[in-house]
C-alpha atoms as a PDB file:
ATOM      1  CA  MET A   1       4.774  -3.394 -13.990  1.00  0.00           C
ATOM      2  CA  THR A   2       1.265  -2.412 -14.372  1.00  0.00           C
ATOM      3  CA  GLY A   3       0.433   1.189 -15.521  1.00  0.00           C
ATOM      4  CA  SER A   4       2.539   3.417 -17.651  1.00  0.00           C
ATOM      5  CA  GLY A   5       2.882   6.878 -16.006  1.00  0.00           C
ATOM      6  CA  CYS A   6       6.636   6.687 -15.637  1.00  0.00           C
ATOM      7  CA  GLY A   7       7.532   9.522 -18.194  1.00  0.00           C
ATOM      8  CA  SER A   8       5.046  11.936 -16.479  1.00  0.00           C
ATOM      9  CA  LEU A   9       6.485  10.996 -12.879  1.00  0.00           C
ATOM     10  CA  LYS A  10       9.976  12.127 -13.927  1.00  0.00           C
ATOM     11  CA  GLU A  11       8.534  15.564 -15.147  1.00  0.00           C
ATOM     12  CA  PHE A  12       7.259  16.665 -11.887  1.00  0.00           C
ATOM     13  CA  VAL A  13       9.414  15.195  -9.085  1.00  0.00           C
ATOM     14  CA  VAL A  14      12.508  16.630  -7.397  1.00  0.00           C
ATOM     15  CA  ILE A  15      15.236  14.146  -8.556  1.00  0.00           C
ATOM     16  CA  ILE A  16      18.184  12.872  -6.363  1.00  0.00           C
ATOM     17  CA  ILE A  17      21.015  10.823  -7.728  1.00  0.00           C
ATOM     18  CA  GLN A  18      21.422   7.759  -5.664  1.00  0.00           C
ATOM     19  CA  PRO A  19      25.292   7.292  -5.159  1.00  0.00           C
ATOM     20  CA  ASP A  20      25.375   3.642  -4.976  1.00  0.00           C
ATOM     21  CA  SER A  21      23.256   2.727  -8.279  1.00  0.00           C
ATOM     22  CA  GLN A  22      22.945   6.181 -10.256  1.00  0.00           C
ATOM     23  CA  ILE A  23      19.153   5.629 -10.107  1.00  0.00           C
ATOM     24  CA  MET A  24      16.989   8.844  -9.801  1.00  0.00           C
ATOM     25  CA  ILE A  25      14.395   8.367  -7.048  1.00  0.00           C
ATOM     26  CA  PRO A  26      12.059  11.210  -5.885  1.00  0.00           C
ATOM     27  CA  ALA A  27      13.313  12.982  -2.718  1.00  0.00           C
ATOM     28  CA  ARG A  28      10.106  13.288  -0.664  1.00  0.00           C
ATOM     29  CA  ILE A  29       8.053  10.229  -0.420  1.00  0.00           C
ATOM     30  CA  ILE A  30       4.720   9.889   1.483  1.00  0.00           C
ATOM     31  CA  VAL A  31       3.407   6.335   2.252  1.00  0.00           C
ATOM     32  CA  PHE A  32      -0.235   6.547   2.800  1.00  0.00           C
ATOM     33  CA  GLY A  33      -2.545   3.634   4.245  1.00  0.00           C
ATOM     34  CA  SER A  34      -3.449   1.712   7.285  1.00  0.00           C
ATOM     35  CA  SER A  35      -1.929  -0.813   9.782  1.00  0.00           C
ATOM     36  CA  THR A  36       0.477  -2.372   7.134  1.00  0.00           C
ATOM     37  CA  VAL A  37       1.914   1.049   6.339  1.00  0.00           C
ATOM     38  CA  TYR A  38       2.062   1.877  10.166  1.00  0.00           C
ATOM     39  CA  GLY A  39       4.377  -1.145  10.630  1.00  0.00           C
ATOM     40  CA  ARG A  40       2.048  -3.793  12.101  1.00  0.00           C
ATOM     41  CA  GLY A  41       3.775  -7.127  12.333  1.00  0.00           C
ATOM     42  CA  ASP A  42       7.373  -5.508  12.386  1.00  0.00           C
ATOM     43  CA  PRO A  43       7.702  -3.394  15.655  1.00  0.00           C
ATOM     44  CA  GLU A  44      11.506  -3.379  15.403  1.00  0.00           C
ATOM     45  CA  ARG A  45      11.968  -2.066  11.943  1.00  0.00           C
ATOM     46  CA  GLY A  46       8.863  -0.316  11.499  1.00  0.00           C
ATOM     47  CA  GLY A  47       7.652  -2.381   8.566  1.00  0.00           C
ATOM     48  CA  PHE A  48       8.361  -1.884   4.880  1.00  0.00           C
ATOM     49  CA  VAL A  49       8.171   1.938   5.356  1.00  0.00           C
ATOM     50  CA  GLY A  50      10.752   1.997   8.101  1.00  0.00           C
ATOM     51  CA  ARG A  51      13.112   0.045   5.847  1.00  0.00           C
ATOM     52  CA  LEU A  52      12.429   2.302   2.837  1.00  0.00           C
ATOM     53  CA  ARG A  53      13.111   5.305   5.189  1.00  0.00           C
ATOM     54  CA  GLY A  54      16.407   3.708   6.348  1.00  0.00           C
ATOM     55  CA  TRP A  55      17.479   3.007   2.832  1.00  0.00           C
ATOM     56  CA  HIS A  56      16.345   6.318   1.313  1.00  0.00           C
ATOM     57  CA  GLU A  57      16.972   9.129   3.716  1.00  0.00           C
ATOM     58  CA  PRO A  58      20.712   8.570   4.220  1.00  0.00           C
ATOM     59  CA  LYS A  59      21.511   8.885   0.464  1.00  0.00           C
ATOM     60  CA  HIS A  60      20.730  12.790   0.480  1.00  0.00           C
ATOM     61  CA  SER A  61      19.802  15.461   2.842  1.00  0.00           C
ATOM     62  CA  SER A  62      16.796  16.300   0.811  1.00  0.00           C
ATOM     63  CA  ASN A  63      15.401  12.725   0.969  1.00  0.00           C
ATOM     64  CA  LEU A  64      12.261  12.174   3.440  1.00  0.00           C
ATOM     65  CA  VAL A  65      10.023   9.470   3.856  1.00  0.00           C
ATOM     66  CA  TYR A  66       6.638  10.117   5.728  1.00  0.00           C
ATOM     67  CA  ASN A  67       4.627   7.289   7.295  1.00  0.00           C
ATOM     68  CA  LEU A  68       1.135   8.246   7.211  1.00  0.00           C
ATOM     69  CA  GLY A  69      -0.259   4.834   8.271  1.00  0.00           C
ATOM     70  CA  VAL A  70      -3.398   4.710  10.584  1.00  0.00           C
ATOM     71  CA  PRO A  71      -4.306   1.158  11.761  1.00  0.00           C
ATOM     72  CA  GLY A  72      -7.828   0.303  10.980  1.00  0.00           C
ATOM     73  CA  ASP A  73      -8.344   3.040   8.541  1.00  0.00           C
ATOM     74  CA  SER A  74     -10.769   2.553   5.631  1.00  0.00           C
ATOM     75  CA  VAL A  75     -10.575   4.016   2.097  1.00  0.00           C
ATOM     76  CA  GLN A  76     -13.117   6.667   3.151  1.00  0.00           C
ATOM     77  CA  GLY A  77     -10.966   7.512   6.206  1.00  0.00           C
ATOM     78  CA  MET A  78      -7.909   7.898   3.981  1.00  0.00           C
ATOM     79  CA  LEU A  79      -9.849  10.004   1.520  1.00  0.00           C
ATOM     80  CA  SER A  80     -11.074  12.300   4.342  1.00  0.00           C
ATOM     81  CA  ARG A  81      -7.617  13.058   5.743  1.00  0.00           C
ATOM     82  CA  MET A  82      -5.454  12.809   2.578  1.00  0.00           C
ATOM     83  CA  GLU A  83      -5.373  16.508   1.585  1.00  0.00           C
ATOM     84  CA  ALA A  84      -4.674  17.866   5.130  1.00  0.00           C
ATOM     85  CA  GLU A  85      -1.996  15.452   5.792  1.00  0.00           C
ATOM     86  CA  VAL A  86      -0.286  15.263   2.421  1.00  0.00           C
ATOM     87  CA  SER A  87      -0.412  18.507   0.730  1.00  0.00           C
ATOM     88  CA  PHE A  88       1.767  20.623   3.079  1.00  0.00           C
ATOM     89  CA  ARG A  89       4.487  18.003   3.014  1.00  0.00           C
ATOM     90  CA  ARG A  90       4.803  18.573  -0.723  1.00  0.00           C
ATOM     91  CA  PRO A  91       5.425  15.010  -1.687  1.00  0.00           C
ATOM     92  CA  ASP A  92       7.294  14.230  -4.813  1.00  0.00           C
ATOM     93  CA  LEU A  93       5.725  10.682  -4.830  1.00  0.00           C
ATOM     94  CA  ILE A  94       2.939   9.036  -2.985  1.00  0.00           C
ATOM     95  CA  LEU A  95       2.794   5.334  -2.293  1.00  0.00           C
ATOM     96  CA  LEU A  96      -0.727   4.296  -1.638  1.00  0.00           C
ATOM     97  CA  TYR A  97      -1.502   1.020   0.185  1.00  0.00           C
ATOM     98  CA  PRO A  98      -5.240   0.942   0.711  1.00  0.00           C
ATOM     99  CA  GLY A  99      -5.355  -2.504   2.459  1.00  0.00           C
ATOM    100  CA  LEU A 100      -8.172  -4.711   3.219  1.00  0.00           C
ATOM    101  CA  ASN A 101     -10.194  -3.084   6.004  1.00  0.00           C
ATOM    102  CA  ASP A 102     -13.187  -2.404   3.861  1.00  0.00           C
ATOM    103  CA  THR A 103     -13.564  -6.118   3.117  1.00  0.00           C
ATOM    104  CA  ARG A 104     -14.091  -7.065   6.722  1.00  0.00           C
ATOM    105  CA  ARG A 105     -17.456  -9.004   7.582  1.00  0.00           C
ATOM    106  CA  THR A 106     -18.584  -8.642  11.208  1.00  0.00           C
ATOM    107  CA  GLY A 107     -20.518 -11.105  13.186  1.00  0.00           C
ATOM    108  CA  SER A 108     -20.388 -14.033  10.662  1.00  0.00           C
ATOM    109  CA  ARG A 109     -18.871 -15.313   7.444  1.00  0.00           C
ATOM    110  CA  GLY A 110     -22.137 -14.544   5.605  1.00  0.00           C
ATOM    111  CA  ALA A 111     -22.463 -10.929   6.675  1.00  0.00           C
ATOM    112  CA  PRO A 112     -22.074  -8.151   4.266  1.00  0.00           C
ATOM    113  CA  THR A 113     -18.518  -6.600   3.770  1.00  0.00           C
ATOM    114  CA  ALA A 114     -17.864  -3.290   5.487  1.00  0.00           C
ATOM    115  CA  ILE A 115     -18.876  -1.644   2.145  1.00  0.00           C
ATOM    116  CA  SER A 116     -20.069  -2.880  -1.048  1.00  0.00           C
ATOM    117  CA  GLY A 117     -17.795  -3.378  -4.090  1.00  0.00           C
ATOM    118  CA  GLU A 118     -19.714  -0.533  -5.801  1.00  0.00           C
ATOM    119  CA  GLN A 119     -19.015   1.815  -2.778  1.00  0.00           C
ATOM    120  CA  PHE A 120     -15.549   0.549  -2.661  1.00  0.00           C
ATOM    121  CA  HIS A 121     -15.055   1.468  -6.462  1.00  0.00           C
ATOM    122  CA  ALA A 122     -16.372   5.077  -5.905  1.00  0.00           C
ATOM    123  CA  GLN A 123     -14.349   5.744  -2.826  1.00  0.00           C
ATOM    124  CA  LEU A 124     -11.036   4.454  -4.173  1.00  0.00           C
ATOM    125  CA  SER A 125     -11.739   6.288  -7.435  1.00  0.00           C
ATOM    126  CA  ALA A 126     -11.882   9.484  -5.525  1.00  0.00           C
ATOM    127  CA  LEU A 127      -8.906   8.620  -3.368  1.00  0.00           C
ATOM    128  CA  LEU A 128      -6.651   7.784  -6.427  1.00  0.00           C
ATOM    129  CA  ASP A 129      -7.953  11.077  -8.134  1.00  0.00           C
ATOM    130  CA  LYS A 130      -7.106  13.142  -5.237  1.00  0.00           C
ATOM    131  CA  SER A 131      -3.735  11.478  -4.635  1.00  0.00           C
ATOM    132  CA  LYS A 132      -2.788  11.828  -8.307  1.00  0.00           C
ATOM    133  CA  LYS A 133      -3.597  15.590  -7.985  1.00  0.00           C
ATOM    134  CA  LEU A 134      -1.391  15.992  -5.041  1.00  0.00           C
ATOM    135  CA  ALA A 135       1.727  13.994  -6.570  1.00  0.00           C
ATOM    136  CA  PRO A 136       2.605  11.179  -8.906  1.00  0.00           C
ATOM    137  CA  THR A 137       1.331   7.912  -7.312  1.00  0.00           C
ATOM    138  CA  LEU A 138       2.116   4.294  -7.012  1.00  0.00           C
ATOM    139  CA  MET A 139      -0.551   1.970  -5.673  1.00  0.00           C
ATOM    140  CA  ILE A 140       0.523  -1.253  -3.829  1.00  0.00           C
ATOM    141  CA  SER A 141      -1.923  -4.095  -3.402  1.00  0.00           C
ATOM    142  CA  SER A 142      -2.094  -5.815  -0.017  1.00  0.00           C
ATOM    143  CA  PHE A 143      -0.710  -8.950   1.515  1.00  0.00           C
ATOM    144  CA  PRO A 144      -2.719 -12.035   0.529  1.00  0.00           C
ATOM    145  CA  VAL A 145      -5.284 -13.317   3.140  1.00  0.00           C
ATOM    146  CA  ASP A 146      -4.810 -16.577   5.029  1.00  0.00           C
ATOM    147  CA  GLU A 147      -8.393 -17.662   5.613  1.00  0.00           C
ATOM    148  CA  THR A 148      -7.260 -20.515   8.027  1.00  0.00           C
ATOM    149  CA  ARG A 149      -6.670 -17.696  10.549  1.00  0.00           C
ATOM    150  CA  THR A 150      -9.079 -14.986   9.369  1.00  0.00           C
ATOM    151  CA  THR A 151     -12.519 -16.946   9.461  1.00  0.00           C
ATOM    152  CA  PRO A 152     -12.830 -15.586  12.223  1.00  0.00           C
ATOM    153  CA  TRP A 153      -9.844 -13.363  12.526  1.00  0.00           C
ATOM    154  CA  GLN A 154      -7.959 -14.280  15.743  1.00  0.00           C
ATOM    155  CA  ASN A 155      -7.535 -10.613  16.714  1.00  0.00           C
ATOM    156  CA  SER A 156     -11.449  -9.823  16.538  1.00  0.00           C
ATOM    157  CA  GLY A 157     -12.681  -7.890  19.417  1.00  0.00           C
ATOM    158  CA  ARG A 158     -16.094  -8.110  21.088  1.00  0.00           C
ATOM    159  CA  HIS A 159     -17.584  -9.178  17.675  1.00  0.00           C
ATOM    160  CA  GLU A 160     -16.039 -11.634  15.391  1.00  0.00           C
ATOM    161  CA  ILE A 161     -14.632 -10.393  12.252  1.00  0.00           C
ATOM    162  CA  PHE A 162     -14.187 -12.369   8.941  1.00  0.00           C
ATOM    163  CA  TYR A 163     -11.691 -11.656   6.287  1.00  0.00           C
ATOM    164  CA  LEU A 164     -12.295 -13.688   3.066  1.00  0.00           C
ATOM    165  CA  ALA A 165      -9.600 -14.490   0.314  1.00  0.00           C
ATOM    166  CA  GLU A 166     -12.562 -14.089  -2.439  1.00  0.00           C
ATOM    167  CA  ASP A 167     -13.477 -10.506  -0.907  1.00  0.00           C
ATOM    168  CA  ALA A 168      -9.631  -9.571  -1.001  1.00  0.00           C
ATOM    169  CA  ARG A 169      -9.470 -10.650  -4.591  1.00  0.00           C
ATOM    170  CA  LEU A 170     -12.676  -8.699  -5.683  1.00  0.00           C
ATOM    171  CA  PHE A 171     -11.375  -5.521  -4.069  1.00  0.00           C
ATOM    172  CA  THR A 172      -7.850  -5.878  -5.463  1.00  0.00           C
ATOM    173  CA  ASP A 173      -9.347  -6.404  -8.802  1.00  0.00           C
ATOM    174  CA  ILE A 174     -11.197  -3.039  -8.600  1.00  0.00           C
ATOM    175  CA  GLY A 175      -8.113  -1.241  -7.406  1.00  0.00           C
ATOM    176  CA  ARG A 176      -5.907  -2.697 -10.223  1.00  0.00           C
ATOM    177  CA  SER A 177      -8.630  -1.704 -12.874  1.00  0.00           C
ATOM    178  CA  LEU A 178      -8.925   1.766 -11.464  1.00  0.00           C
ATOM    179  CA  CYS A 179      -5.111   2.176 -11.714  1.00  0.00           C
ATOM    180  CA  GLU A 180      -4.872   0.959 -15.299  1.00  0.00           C
ATOM    181  CA  GLU A 181      -7.754   3.346 -16.333  1.00  0.00           C
ATOM    182  CA  ARG A 182      -5.793   6.446 -14.717  1.00  0.00           C
ATOM    183  CA  LYS A 183      -2.372   5.254 -15.853  1.00  0.00           C
ATOM    184  CA  ILE A 184      -1.220   5.187 -12.305  1.00  0.00           C
ATOM    185  CA  SER A 185       1.609   2.807 -11.577  1.00  0.00           C
ATOM    186  CA  TYR A 186       0.610  -0.449  -9.686  1.00  0.00           C
ATOM    187  CA  MET A 187       2.722  -2.985  -7.755  1.00  0.00           C
ATOM    188  CA  PRO A 188       0.704  -6.377  -7.714  1.00  0.00           C
ATOM    189  CA  ILE A 189       1.681  -7.855  -4.453  1.00  0.00           C
ATOM    190  CA  PHE A 190      -1.444  -9.599  -3.851  1.00  0.00           C
ATOM    191  CA  GLU A 191      -1.633 -11.069  -7.118  1.00  0.00           C
ATOM    192  CA  THR A 192       2.075 -12.218  -7.319  1.00  0.00           C
ATOM    193  CA  TRP A 193       2.267 -13.471  -3.688  1.00  0.00           C
ATOM    194  CA  SER A 194      -0.865 -15.399  -3.961  1.00  0.00           C
ATOM    195  CA  LYS A 195       0.689 -17.442  -6.625  1.00  0.00           C
ATOM    196  CA  GLY A 196       4.151 -18.221  -5.586  1.00  0.00           C
ATOM    197  CA  THR A 197       4.540 -17.173  -1.868  1.00  0.00           C
ATOM    198  CA  ASP A 198       3.918 -19.306   1.203  1.00  0.00           C
ATOM    199  CA  CYS A 199       1.527 -16.695   2.649  1.00  0.00           C
ATOM    200  CA  ARG A 200       1.054 -18.447   5.945  1.00  0.00           C
ATOM    201  CA  ALA A 201       4.697 -18.343   6.763  1.00  0.00           C
ATOM    202  CA  LEU A 202       4.952 -14.672   5.892  1.00  0.00           C
ATOM    203  CA  SER A 203       1.931 -13.611   8.119  1.00  0.00           C
ATOM    204  CA  ILE A 204       1.396 -13.082  11.699  1.00  0.00           C
ATOM    205  CA  ASP A 205      -2.323 -13.353  11.900  1.00  0.00           C
ATOM    206  CA  GLY A 206      -3.424 -14.238   8.375  1.00  0.00           C
ATOM    207  CA  LEU A 207      -3.819 -10.613   7.591  1.00  0.00           C
ATOM    208  CA  HIS A 208      -0.617  -8.653   8.476  1.00  0.00           C
ATOM    209  CA  GLY A 209       2.854  -9.487   7.307  1.00  0.00           C
ATOM    210  CA  SER A 210       5.625 -10.762   9.503  1.00  0.00           C
ATOM    211  CA  PRO A 211       9.122  -8.976   9.695  1.00  0.00           C
ATOM    212  CA  GLU A 212      10.097 -11.324   6.815  1.00  0.00           C
ATOM    213  CA  ALA A 213       7.249 -10.205   4.766  1.00  0.00           C
ATOM    214  CA  HIS A 214       7.890  -6.650   5.440  1.00  0.00           C
ATOM    215  CA  ALA A 215      11.525  -7.173   4.397  1.00  0.00           C
ATOM    216  CA  LYS A 216      10.428  -9.014   1.215  1.00  0.00           C
ATOM    217  CA  LEU A 217       7.895  -6.064   0.398  1.00  0.00           C
ATOM    218  CA  PHE A 218      10.705  -3.561   0.921  1.00  0.00           C
ATOM    219  CA  GLU A 219      13.161  -5.412  -1.415  1.00  0.00           C
ATOM    220  CA  GLU A 220      10.493  -5.682  -4.142  1.00  0.00           C
ATOM    221  CA  LEU A 221       9.355  -2.144  -3.767  1.00  0.00           C
ATOM    222  CA  LYS A 222      12.934  -0.871  -4.143  1.00  0.00           C
ATOM    223  CA  ILE A 223      13.397  -2.831  -7.216  1.00  0.00           C
ATOM    224  CA  PHE A 224      10.127  -1.481  -8.542  1.00  0.00           C
ATOM    225  CA  LEU A 225      10.978   2.153  -7.768  1.00  0.00           C
ATOM    226  CA  CYS A 226      14.394   1.868  -9.287  1.00  0.00           C
ATOM    227  CA  GLY A 227      12.689   0.317 -12.473  1.00  0.00           C
ATOM    228  CA  MET A 228      10.134   3.181 -12.633  1.00  0.00           C
ATOM    229  CA  PHE A 229      12.987   5.925 -12.533  1.00  0.00           C
ATOM    230  CA  GLU A 230      15.795   4.381 -14.276  1.00  0.00           C
ATOM    231  CA  GLU A 231      17.096   6.419 -17.197  1.00  0.00           C
END
């Protein structure tokens, strides 16, 4: 588990005892991001967030999981809507999944990414700072990229869009470093799945996870959360 912050999390959340395991999990959870948060790739179960809701909410009447995923959203887009969409819901924990939309290259493999690494660093820094002010935060890195299906991406519209593994790695490294600097807990899905997981088999299009990928992410997230909050 990268990022400490677990002690401070317990001081500020509403704690609910989970009957089956006696692990204390925050009651009101917001999951914030783009298409993977929305549930792309798993329409029947609503992705890993739908599975989290189905596990968490029945345990206590105070438990709520809000899905604030907007397909195609950028980090700047998330920053612009975060306070308005998050603050009035009074979350006890924010799960932040920035995704890889900012790494897209339009028109050709050699085109520039949607924003530079420096711009991404500045925008994600602001997003993390805002999120941390609103509630304790856990950031989750993205599914790995399967370049055999993202160069170009098969779901490109009028203009071909390219997603490169190298870009995903660079932007993921930036996110991990920013979390370490801020002592924000960090779940390294991109890093661990890139090493030991058949990413092609778990992806519907080289970018979004299949139902099996969402199920795997949910199971790993559940274990991660229990590790964060166990006494």
